[in-house]
Amino acid sequence: MYQTLNSYYQKRFGCKVYKLSLDAGFTCPNRDGTLGTEGCIFCTGSAEFAEGCCDSIAEQLEKAKVRVAAKAKGGKYIAYFQSFTNTYAPVSALRKLYEEAMAPEDIVGIAIGTRPDCLGEDVVTLLQELNGQKPVFIELGLQTVHEETVRYIRRGYPTCVYFDAVRRLKAAGLEVVTHIILGLPGEDTAMAMETTRQAVETGTDGVKFHLLHVLRGTDLHKDYLQGKFSCLTLEEYARMLKSCLSLLPEHVVVHRITGDGAKKDLVAPLWSADKKKVLNYLNRFLQEP
């Protein structure tokens, strides 16, 4: 079996830990015209799970705590900068945001979702400094190592940029979490396993596996409607996930075994909307020999 995020947090912090999703109002070089204006083909920016960016970070944290209060019993929190590219700003602005998020005593660390091509040396230096105060986790959207798929999904950077970013972050003593999408158009299990293998070999500390799902209004939605690809069944996803998990060393933490979008925007696969059912099925399947 693999090391789950809950067990890792328990060992690391000695208690249950919950992530509080934040929206700091960032954009992305793949949207503001620097690299492009359309963003990745599947992307809505992940803002649907974060608190509103009109509030201060401190206000967002308090609202997010209320949101998880029913299940957060005596635990601590990680402030999660989730929406868009969360290192895509001057260092002075980043410092203010990160320090505000780290300030509360019950915040044990921060997680920062970003792109590997938005990690200049000045940003890495700041992250290294803050990591000396509380743990800093950097989440990178790799998705795939296969360049043909990279071009199709409009990721906007070659895979070598990811390799370089992970090495620099690790050299600075930071923990790296890599996002990988399973079921990308044109990719089979062997290709998904190769992405996983290369992420592990590069030194990622954790992995988030996501199911490719189609959200209304994205360019991926247009291709889906035109019949250019089909989504995985639950059984197909489970088999692909199990193959990828088999490649992980014991020290690599599995932060997610699937990902889902907002139900109101979900087009396909519809089975992914029942998160409890999906997780129960996956957990049973992964325990089978």
C-alpha atoms as a PDB file:
ATOM      1  CA  MET A   1       0.000   0.000   0.000  1.00  0.00           C
ATOM      2  CA  TYR A   2       0.945   3.660  -0.250  1.00  0.00           C
ATOM      3  CA  GLN A   3       1.501   6.383   2.325  1.00  0.00           C
ATOM      4  CA  THR A   4      -1.670   8.450   2.649  1.00  0.00           C
ATOM      5  CA  LEU A   5      -1.753  12.155   3.335  1.00  0.00           C
ATOM      6  CA  ASN A   6      -3.651  11.661   6.588  1.00  0.00           C
ATOM      7  CA  SER A   7      -1.027   9.277   7.960  1.00  0.00           C
ATOM      8  CA  TYR A   8       1.766  11.611   6.871  1.00  0.00           C
ATOM      9  CA  TYR A   9       0.162  14.610   8.565  1.00  0.00           C
ATOM     10  CA  GLN A  10      -0.393  12.576  11.725  1.00  0.00           C
ATOM     11  CA  LYS A  11       3.274  11.615  11.849  1.00  0.00           C
ATOM     12  CA  ARG A  12       4.487  15.088  10.865  1.00  0.00           C
ATOM     13  CA  PHE A  13       2.225  17.248  13.036  1.00  0.00           C
ATOM     14  CA  GLY A  14       0.853  14.823  15.621  1.00  0.00           C
ATOM     15  CA  CYS A  15      -2.773  15.583  14.836  1.00  0.00           C
ATOM     16  CA  LYS A  16      -5.401  15.721  12.125  1.00  0.00           C
ATOM     17  CA  VAL A  17      -4.677  18.485   9.596  1.00  0.00           C
ATOM     18  CA  TYR A  18      -7.132  20.138   7.204  1.00  0.00           C
ATOM     19  CA  LYS A  19      -6.363  22.266   4.143  1.00  0.00           C
ATOM     20  CA  LEU A  20      -8.054  25.644   3.840  1.00  0.00           C
ATOM     21  CA  SER A  21      -8.324  26.734   0.204  1.00  0.00           C
ATOM     22  CA  LEU A  22      -7.562  30.385  -0.537  1.00  0.00           C
ATOM     23  CA  ASP A  23      -7.976  32.639  -3.549  1.00  0.00           C
ATOM     24  CA  ALA A  24      -5.423  35.457  -3.461  1.00  0.00           C
ATOM     25  CA  GLY A  25      -6.522  36.933  -6.785  1.00  0.00           C
ATOM     26  CA  PHE A  26      -3.640  35.593  -8.875  1.00  0.00           C
ATOM     27  CA  THR A  27      -3.752  35.098 -12.622  1.00  0.00           C
ATOM     28  CA  CYS A  28      -1.573  32.918 -14.845  1.00  0.00           C
ATOM     29  CA  PRO A  29       0.964  33.557 -17.643  1.00  0.00           C
ATOM     30  CA  ASN A  30      -1.114  31.170 -19.724  1.00  0.00           C
ATOM     31  CA  ARG A  31      -4.071  33.545 -19.396  1.00  0.00           C
ATOM     32  CA  ASP A  32      -2.736  37.099 -19.151  1.00  0.00           C
ATOM     33  CA  GLY A  33      -1.072  37.088 -22.572  1.00  0.00           C
ATOM     34  CA  THR A  34       2.479  36.302 -21.454  1.00  0.00           C
ATOM     35  CA  LEU A  35       2.242  32.764 -22.849  1.00  0.00           C
ATOM     36  CA  GLY A  36      -1.360  32.739 -24.009  1.00  0.00           C
ATOM     37  CA  THR A  37      -4.845  33.931 -23.197  1.00  0.00           C
ATOM     38  CA  GLU A  38      -6.894  30.737 -23.157  1.00  0.00           C
ATOM     39  CA  GLY A  39      -5.228  28.796 -20.337  1.00  0.00           C
ATOM     40  CA  CYS A  40      -4.815  25.037 -20.240  1.00  0.00           C
ATOM     41  CA  ILE A  41      -7.488  23.231 -22.211  1.00  0.00           C
ATOM     42  CA  PHE A  42      -9.115  21.711 -19.101  1.00  0.00           C
ATOM     43  CA  CYS A  43      -8.650  24.599 -16.693  1.00  0.00           C
ATOM     44  CA  THR A  44     -11.167  26.759 -14.876  1.00  0.00           C
ATOM     45  CA  GLY A  45      -8.516  27.969 -12.405  1.00  0.00           C
ATOM     46  CA  SER A  46      -9.585  25.808  -9.456  1.00  0.00           C
ATOM     47  CA  ALA A  47     -11.316  28.779  -7.846  1.00  0.00           C
ATOM     48  CA  GLU A  48     -14.529  26.852  -7.194  1.00  0.00           C
ATOM     49  CA  PHE A  49     -13.164  25.347  -3.986  1.00  0.00           C
ATOM     50  CA  ALA A  50     -11.498  28.481  -2.602  1.00  0.00           C
ATOM     51  CA  GLU A  51     -12.920  31.313  -0.544  1.00  0.00           C
ATOM     52  CA  GLY A  52     -13.637  34.598  -2.343  1.00  0.00           C
ATOM     53  CA  CYS A  53     -10.606  36.691  -3.227  1.00  0.00           C
ATOM     54  CA  CYS A  54     -12.411  39.911  -2.249  1.00  0.00           C
ATOM     55  CA  ASP A  55     -11.708  39.081   1.393  1.00  0.00           C
ATOM     56  CA  SER A  56      -8.335  39.390   3.076  1.00  0.00           C
ATOM     57  CA  ILE A  57      -6.324  36.233   3.625  1.00  0.00           C
ATOM     58  CA  ALA A  58      -7.174  36.326   7.336  1.00  0.00           C
ATOM     59  CA  GLU A  59     -10.904  36.620   6.534  1.00  0.00           C
ATOM     60  CA  GLN A  60     -10.721  33.802   4.002  1.00  0.00           C
ATOM     61  CA  LEU A  61      -9.021  31.562   6.544  1.00  0.00           C
ATOM     62  CA  GLU A  62     -11.780  32.142   9.091  1.00  0.00           C
ATOM     63  CA  LYS A  63     -14.508  31.451   6.516  1.00  0.00           C
ATOM     64  CA  ALA A  64     -12.714  28.294   5.379  1.00  0.00           C
ATOM     65  CA  LYS A  65     -12.487  27.068   8.984  1.00  0.00           C
ATOM     66  CA  VAL A  66     -16.251  27.416   9.279  1.00  0.00           C
ATOM     67  CA  ARG A  67     -16.613  25.448   6.059  1.00  0.00           C
ATOM     68  CA  VAL A  68     -14.720  22.444   7.476  1.00  0.00           C
ATOM     69  CA  ALA A  69     -15.894  22.848  11.079  1.00  0.00           C
ATOM     70  CA  ALA A  70     -18.195  19.828  10.955  1.00  0.00           C
ATOM     71  CA  LYS A  71     -15.279  17.464  10.373  1.00  0.00           C
ATOM     72  CA  ALA A  72     -12.414  19.444  11.953  1.00  0.00           C
ATOM     73  CA  LYS A  73     -12.372  18.281  15.559  1.00  0.00           C
ATOM     74  CA  GLY A  74      -9.306  19.471  17.413  1.00  0.00           C
ATOM     75  CA  GLY A  75      -7.075  19.536  14.346  1.00  0.00           C
ATOM     76  CA  LYS A  76      -4.759  22.077  12.767  1.00  0.00           C
ATOM     77  CA  TYR A  77      -4.726  23.642   9.325  1.00  0.00           C
ATOM     78  CA  ILE A  78      -2.626  24.217   6.230  1.00  0.00           C
ATOM     79  CA  ALA A  79      -3.340  27.387   4.273  1.00  0.00           C
ATOM     80  CA  TYR A  80      -3.631  26.355   0.625  1.00  0.00           C
ATOM     81  CA  PHE A  81      -3.097  28.945  -2.106  1.00  0.00           C
ATOM     82  CA  GLN A  82      -5.029  27.050  -4.743  1.00  0.00           C
ATOM     83  CA  SER A  83      -6.428  29.276  -7.459  1.00  0.00           C
ATOM     84  CA  PHE A  84      -4.353  29.847 -10.596  1.00  0.00           C
ATOM     85  CA  THR A  85      -0.571  30.487 -10.297  1.00  0.00           C
ATOM     86  CA  ASN A  86       0.295  31.464  -6.739  1.00  0.00           C
ATOM     87  CA  THR A  87       3.904  32.578  -7.229  1.00  0.00           C
ATOM     88  CA  TYR A  88       3.052  34.831 -10.164  1.00  0.00           C
ATOM     89  CA  ALA A  89       3.611  38.214  -8.505  1.00  0.00           C
ATOM     90  CA  PRO A  90       6.479  40.371  -7.182  1.00  0.00           C
ATOM     91  CA  VAL A  91       8.262  38.879  -4.180  1.00  0.00           C
ATOM     92  CA  SER A  92       7.187  41.777  -1.966  1.00  0.00           C
ATOM     93  CA  ALA A  93       3.523  41.001  -2.643  1.00  0.00           C
ATOM     94  CA  LEU A  94       4.060  37.269  -2.196  1.00  0.00           C
ATOM     95  CA  ARG A  95       5.782  37.767   1.138  1.00  0.00           C
ATOM     96  CA  LYS A  96       2.862  39.764   2.491  1.00  0.00           C
ATOM     97  CA  LEU A  97       0.313  37.156   1.430  1.00  0.00           C
ATOM     98  CA  TYR A  98       2.275  34.150   2.637  1.00  0.00           C
ATOM     99  CA  GLU A  99       3.170  35.692   5.989  1.00  0.00           C
ATOM    100  CA  GLU A 100      -0.459  36.654   6.612  1.00  0.00           C
ATOM    101  CA  ALA A 101      -1.497  33.074   5.910  1.00  0.00           C
ATOM    102  CA  MET A 102       1.189  31.631   8.183  1.00  0.00           C
ATOM    103  CA  ALA A 103       0.526  33.975  11.090  1.00  0.00           C
ATOM    104  CA  PRO A 104      -2.298  32.168  12.967  1.00  0.00           C
ATOM    105  CA  GLU A 105      -1.074  29.694  15.551  1.00  0.00           C
ATOM    106  CA  ASP A 106      -3.360  26.926  14.290  1.00  0.00           C
ATOM    107  CA  ILE A 107      -1.879  27.169  10.777  1.00  0.00           C
ATOM    108  CA  VAL A 108       0.943  24.612  10.747  1.00  0.00           C
ATOM    109  CA  GLY A 109       2.134  25.323   7.200  1.00  0.00           C
ATOM    110  CA  ILE A 110       1.239  26.639   3.767  1.00  0.00           C
ATOM    111  CA  ALA A 111       0.745  24.880   0.430  1.00  0.00           C
ATOM    112  CA  ILE A 112       1.292  26.864  -2.739  1.00  0.00           C
ATOM    113  CA  GLY A 113      -0.058  25.738  -6.094  1.00  0.00           C
ATOM    114  CA  THR A 114       1.974  27.090  -8.995  1.00  0.00           C
ATOM    115  CA  ARG A 115       3.652  26.467 -12.335  1.00  0.00           C
ATOM    116  CA  PRO A 116       7.269  25.307 -12.647  1.00  0.00           C
ATOM    117  CA  ASP A 117       7.980  28.232 -14.983  1.00  0.00           C
ATOM    118  CA  CYS A 118       6.948  30.762 -12.314  1.00  0.00           C
ATOM    119  CA  LEU A 119       9.644  29.978  -9.773  1.00  0.00           C
ATOM    120  CA  GLY A 120      12.439  32.494 -10.210  1.00  0.00           C
ATOM    121  CA  GLU A 121      15.409  32.345  -7.884  1.00  0.00           C
ATOM    122  CA  ASP A 122      14.069  35.284  -5.845  1.00  0.00           C
ATOM    123  CA  VAL A 123      10.812  33.380  -5.286  1.00  0.00           C
ATOM    124  CA  VAL A 124      12.631  30.188  -4.295  1.00  0.00           C
ATOM    125  CA  THR A 125      14.773  32.191  -1.858  1.00  0.00           C
ATOM    126  CA  LEU A 126      11.626  33.612  -0.245  1.00  0.00           C
ATOM    127  CA  LEU A 127      10.042  30.171   0.002  1.00  0.00           C
ATOM    128  CA  GLN A 128      13.207  28.785   1.562  1.00  0.00           C
ATOM    129  CA  GLU A 129      13.183  31.563   4.159  1.00  0.00           C
ATOM    130  CA  LEU A 130       9.536  30.992   5.062  1.00  0.00           C
ATOM    131  CA  ASN A 131      10.098  27.252   5.228  1.00  0.00           C
ATOM    132  CA  GLY A 132      12.393  27.957   8.165  1.00  0.00           C
ATOM    133  CA  GLN A 133       9.375  29.300  10.070  1.00  0.00           C
ATOM    134  CA  LYS A 134       6.676  26.787   9.097  1.00  0.00           C
ATOM    135  CA  PRO A 135       6.614  24.022   6.472  1.00  0.00           C
ATOM    136  CA  VAL A 136       6.049  25.177   2.904  1.00  0.00           C
ATOM    137  CA  PHE A 137       4.690  22.681   0.352  1.00  0.00           C
ATOM    138  CA  ILE A 138       4.974  23.557  -3.337  1.00  0.00           C
ATOM    139  CA  GLU A 139       2.395  21.949  -5.630  1.00  0.00           C
ATOM    140  CA  LEU A 140       3.352  21.768  -9.306  1.00  0.00           C
ATOM    141  CA  GLY A 141       0.948  21.064 -12.152  1.00  0.00           C
ATOM    142  CA  LEU A 142       2.935  18.613 -14.268  1.00  0.00           C
ATOM    143  CA  GLN A 143      -0.046  16.586 -15.554  1.00  0.00           C
ATOM    144  CA  THR A 144       2.098  14.630 -18.077  1.00  0.00           C
ATOM    145  CA  VAL A 145       5.668  14.285 -19.326  1.00  0.00           C
ATOM    146  CA  HIS A 146       4.630  13.500 -22.898  1.00  0.00           C
ATOM    147  CA  GLU A 147       5.252  16.484 -25.140  1.00  0.00           C
ATOM    148  CA  GLU A 148       2.533  15.715 -27.690  1.00  0.00           C
ATOM    149  CA  THR A 149      -0.031  15.783 -24.879  1.00  0.00           C
ATOM    150  CA  VAL A 150       1.638  18.875 -23.424  1.00  0.00           C
ATOM    151  CA  ARG A 151       0.996  20.736 -26.664  1.00  0.00           C
ATOM    152  CA  TYR A 152      -2.590  19.497 -26.861  1.00  0.00           C
ATOM    153  CA  ILE A 153      -3.497  20.610 -23.342  1.00  0.00           C
ATOM    154  CA  ARG A 154      -1.657  23.953 -23.865  1.00  0.00           C
ATOM    155  CA  ARG A 155       0.389  23.582 -20.692  1.00  0.00           C
ATOM    156  CA  GLY A 156       2.800  26.243 -21.922  1.00  0.00           C
ATOM    157  CA  TYR A 157       6.175  24.883 -20.819  1.00  0.00           C
ATOM    158  CA  PRO A 158       8.349  21.890 -21.794  1.00  0.00           C
ATOM    159  CA  THR A 159       8.765  19.102 -19.273  1.00  0.00           C
ATOM    160  CA  CYS A 160      12.441  19.945 -18.698  1.00  0.00           C
ATOM    161  CA  VAL A 161      11.242  23.102 -16.884  1.00  0.00           C
ATOM    162  CA  TYR A 162       9.460  20.900 -14.348  1.00  0.00           C
ATOM    163  CA  PHE A 163      12.592  18.808 -13.796  1.00  0.00           C
ATOM    164  CA  ASP A 164      14.662  21.955 -13.193  1.00  0.00           C
ATOM    165  CA  ALA A 165      12.095  23.460 -10.820  1.00  0.00           C
ATOM    166  CA  VAL A 166      11.902  20.313  -8.681  1.00  0.00           C
ATOM    167  CA  ARG A 167      15.682  20.112  -8.391  1.00  0.00           C
ATOM    168  CA  ARG A 168      15.936  23.780  -7.343  1.00  0.00           C
ATOM    169  CA  LEU A 169      13.108  23.490  -4.833  1.00  0.00           C
ATOM    170  CA  LYS A 170      14.587  20.337  -3.333  1.00  0.00           C
ATOM    171  CA  ALA A 171      18.015  21.977  -3.103  1.00  0.00           C
ATOM    172  CA  ALA A 172      16.328  24.758  -1.112  1.00  0.00           C
ATOM    173  CA  GLY A 173      14.872  22.219   1.313  1.00  0.00           C
ATOM    174  CA  LEU A 174      11.270  22.524   0.136  1.00  0.00           C
ATOM    175  CA  GLU A 175       8.725  19.721  -0.215  1.00  0.00           C
ATOM    176  CA  VAL A 176       7.261  19.207  -3.683  1.00  0.00           C
ATOM    177  CA  VAL A 177       3.871  17.755  -4.593  1.00  0.00           C
ATOM    178  CA  THR A 178       3.262  16.855  -8.251  1.00  0.00           C
ATOM    179  CA  HIS A 179      -0.147  16.860  -9.933  1.00  0.00           C
ATOM    180  CA  ILE A 180      -0.678  14.124 -12.536  1.00  0.00           C
ATOM    181  CA  ILE A 181      -3.796  13.672 -14.671  1.00  0.00           C
ATOM    182  CA  LEU A 182      -4.830  10.135 -15.603  1.00  0.00           C
ATOM    183  CA  GLY A 183      -6.898   9.575 -18.717  1.00  0.00           C
ATOM    184  CA  LEU A 184      -5.600  12.438 -20.824  1.00  0.00           C
ATOM    185  CA  PRO A 185      -6.642  12.127 -24.493  1.00  0.00           C
ATOM    186  CA  GLY A 186      -4.305   9.785 -26.329  1.00  0.00           C
ATOM    187  CA  GLU A 187      -2.584   8.490 -23.194  1.00  0.00           C
ATOM    188  CA  ASP A 188      -2.739   4.893 -22.015  1.00  0.00           C
ATOM    189  CA  THR A 189      -1.650   3.237 -18.762  1.00  0.00           C
ATOM    190  CA  ALA A 190       1.964   2.877 -19.887  1.00  0.00           C
ATOM    191  CA  MET A 191       2.178   6.614 -20.579  1.00  0.00           C
ATOM    192  CA  ALA A 192       0.615   7.502 -17.224  1.00  0.00           C
ATOM    193  CA  MET A 193       3.095   5.201 -15.515  1.00  0.00           C
ATOM    194  CA  GLU A 194       5.979   6.883 -17.333  1.00  0.00           C
ATOM    195  CA  THR A 195       4.843  10.289 -16.084  1.00  0.00           C
ATOM    196  CA  THR A 196       4.672   8.897 -12.545  1.00  0.00           C
ATOM    197  CA  ARG A 197       8.090   7.255 -12.842  1.00  0.00           C
ATOM    198  CA  GLN A 198       9.775  10.437 -14.055  1.00  0.00           C
ATOM    199  CA  ALA A 199       8.168  12.532 -11.311  1.00  0.00           C
ATOM    200  CA  VAL A 200       9.471  10.086  -8.700  1.00  0.00           C
ATOM    201  CA  GLU A 201      12.949   9.965 -10.219  1.00  0.00           C
ATOM    202  CA  THR A 202      13.110  13.756 -10.265  1.00  0.00           C
ATOM    203  CA  GLY A 203      12.489  13.824  -6.520  1.00  0.00           C
ATOM    204  CA  THR A 204       8.861  14.701  -5.860  1.00  0.00           C
ATOM    205  CA  ASP A 205       7.833  14.169  -2.237  1.00  0.00           C
ATOM    206  CA  GLY A 206       4.161  13.719  -2.982  1.00  0.00           C
ATOM    207  CA  VAL A 207       1.720  13.063  -5.804  1.00  0.00           C
ATOM    208  CA  LYS A 208      -1.834  14.134  -6.513  1.00  0.00           C
ATOM    209  CA  PHE A 209      -3.536  11.873  -9.012  1.00  0.00           C
ATOM    210  CA  HIS A 210      -6.465  13.418 -10.856  1.00  0.00           C
ATOM    211  CA  LEU A 211      -9.084  11.887 -13.075  1.00  0.00           C
ATOM    212  CA  LEU A 212      -9.466  13.763 -16.350  1.00  0.00           C
ATOM    213  CA  HIS A 213     -12.916  15.280 -16.067  1.00  0.00           C
ATOM    214  CA  VAL A 214     -14.654  17.647 -18.435  1.00  0.00           C
ATOM    215  CA  LEU A 215     -16.020  20.912 -17.091  1.00  0.00           C
ATOM    216  CA  ARG A 216     -18.581  23.032 -18.848  1.00  0.00           C
ATOM    217  CA  GLY A 217     -17.177  26.009 -20.726  1.00  0.00           C
ATOM    218  CA  THR A 218     -13.625  24.733 -21.132  1.00  0.00           C
ATOM    219  CA  ASP A 219     -12.022  24.032 -24.501  1.00  0.00           C
ATOM    220  CA  LEU A 220     -11.778  20.397 -23.431  1.00  0.00           C
ATOM    221  CA  HIS A 221     -15.572  20.465 -23.276  1.00  0.00           C
ATOM    222  CA  LYS A 222     -15.712  21.506 -26.936  1.00  0.00           C
ATOM    223  CA  ASP A 223     -13.466  18.617 -27.969  1.00  0.00           C
ATOM    224  CA  TYR A 224     -15.527  16.198 -25.899  1.00  0.00           C
ATOM    225  CA  LEU A 225     -18.749  17.311 -27.580  1.00  0.00           C
ATOM    226  CA  GLN A 226     -17.079  16.776 -30.961  1.00  0.00           C
ATOM    227  CA  GLY A 227     -16.229  13.202 -29.991  1.00  0.00           C
ATOM    228  CA  LYS A 228     -12.470  13.691 -30.095  1.00  0.00           C
ATOM    229  CA  PHE A 229     -11.934  11.576 -26.979  1.00  0.00           C
ATOM    230  CA  SER A 230     -13.802   9.581 -24.363  1.00  0.00           C
ATOM    231  CA  CYS A 231     -13.399   9.599 -20.603  1.00  0.00           C
ATOM    232  CA  LEU A 232     -12.317   6.633 -18.522  1.00  0.00           C
ATOM    233  CA  THR A 233     -14.823   4.393 -16.810  1.00  0.00           C
ATOM    234  CA  LEU A 234     -14.443   3.995 -13.066  1.00  0.00           C
ATOM    235  CA  GLU A 235     -12.997   0.512 -13.586  1.00  0.00           C
ATOM    236  CA  GLU A 236     -10.468   1.768 -16.166  1.00  0.00           C
ATOM    237  CA  TYR A 237      -9.429   4.611 -13.900  1.00  0.00           C
ATOM    238  CA  ALA A 238      -8.966   2.266 -10.947  1.00  0.00           C
ATOM    239  CA  ARG A 239      -6.688  -0.031 -12.953  1.00  0.00           C
ATOM    240  CA  MET A 240      -4.604   2.862 -14.264  1.00  0.00           C
ATOM    241  CA  LEU A 241      -4.320   4.399 -10.803  1.00  0.00           C
ATOM    242  CA  LYS A 242      -3.228   1.098  -9.252  1.00  0.00           C
ATOM    243  CA  SER A 243      -0.497   0.710 -11.860  1.00  0.00           C
ATOM    244  CA  CYS A 244       0.826   4.193 -11.140  1.00  0.00           C
ATOM    245  CA  LEU A 245       0.687   3.739  -7.371  1.00  0.00           C
ATOM    246  CA  SER A 246       2.785   0.586  -7.706  1.00  0.00           C
ATOM    247  CA  LEU A 247       5.712   2.761  -8.804  1.00  0.00           C
ATOM    248  CA  LEU A 248       5.806   4.936  -5.693  1.00  0.00           C
ATOM    249  CA  PRO A 249       8.487   4.418  -3.032  1.00  0.00           C
ATOM    250  CA  GLU A 250       7.250   4.307   0.566  1.00  0.00           C
ATOM    251  CA  HIS A 251       8.390   7.865   1.315  1.00  0.00           C
ATOM    252  CA  VAL A 252       6.288   9.456  -1.455  1.00  0.00           C
ATOM    253  CA  VAL A 253       3.002  10.712  -0.003  1.00  0.00           C
ATOM    254  CA  VAL A 254      -0.208  10.275  -1.978  1.00  0.00           C
ATOM    255  CA  HIS A 255      -2.172  13.476  -1.476  1.00  0.00           C
ATOM    256  CA  ARG A 256      -5.089  12.469  -3.713  1.00  0.00           C
ATOM    257  CA  ILE A 257      -6.195   9.350  -5.547  1.00  0.00           C
ATOM    258  CA  THR A 258      -8.731  11.217  -7.649  1.00  0.00           C
ATOM    259  CA  GLY A 259      -9.839  14.751  -8.397  1.00  0.00           C
ATOM    260  CA  ASP A 260     -13.240  16.211  -9.130  1.00  0.00           C
ATOM    261  CA  GLY A 261     -14.710  19.482 -10.297  1.00  0.00           C
ATOM    262  CA  ALA A 262     -17.763  21.379  -9.156  1.00  0.00           C
ATOM    263  CA  LYS A 263     -20.855  19.236  -9.779  1.00  0.00           C
ATOM    264  CA  LYS A 264     -22.704  22.142 -11.372  1.00  0.00           C
ATOM    265  CA  ASP A 265     -20.069  22.322 -14.117  1.00  0.00           C
ATOM    266  CA  LEU A 266     -19.310  18.617 -14.550  1.00  0.00           C
ATOM    267  CA  VAL A 267     -20.010  17.247 -18.030  1.00  0.00           C
ATOM    268  CA  ALA A 268     -18.147  13.919 -17.901  1.00  0.00           C
ATOM    269  CA  PRO A 269     -17.557  11.358 -16.560  1.00  0.00           C
ATOM    270  CA  LEU A 270     -20.740  11.650 -14.528  1.00  0.00           C
ATOM    271  CA  TRP A 271     -19.775   8.774 -12.239  1.00  0.00           C
ATOM    272  CA  SER A 272     -17.128  11.043 -10.714  1.00  0.00           C
ATOM    273  CA  ALA A 273     -19.838  13.222  -9.166  1.00  0.00           C
ATOM    274  CA  ASP A 274     -20.508  10.655  -6.438  1.00  0.00           C
ATOM    275  CA  LYS A 275     -17.252  11.213  -4.571  1.00  0.00           C
ATOM    276  CA  LYS A 276     -18.033   8.926  -1.641  1.00  0.00           C
ATOM    277  CA  LYS A 277     -18.955   6.037  -3.923  1.00  0.00           C
ATOM    278  CA  VAL A 278     -15.850   6.587  -6.054  1.00  0.00           C
ATOM    279  CA  LEU A 279     -13.477   6.687  -3.096  1.00  0.00           C
ATOM    280  CA  ASN A 280     -15.047   3.577  -1.556  1.00  0.00           C
ATOM    281  CA  TYR A 281     -14.662   1.715  -4.826  1.00  0.00           C
ATOM    282  CA  LEU A 282     -11.057   2.841  -5.328  1.00  0.00           C
ATOM    283  CA  ASN A 283     -10.043   1.972  -1.789  1.00  0.00           C
ATOM    284  CA  ARG A 284     -11.523  -1.503  -2.125  1.00  0.00           C
ATOM    285  CA  PHE A 285      -9.932  -2.058  -5.528  1.00  0.00           C
ATOM    286  CA  LEU A 286      -6.504  -0.888  -4.376  1.00  0.00           C
ATOM    287  CA  GLN A 287      -6.529  -3.345  -1.502  1.00  0.00           C
ATOM    288  CA  GLU A 288      -7.128  -6.290  -3.801  1.00  0.00           C
ATOM    289  CA  PRO A 289      -4.055  -8.398  -4.662  1.00  0.00           C
END
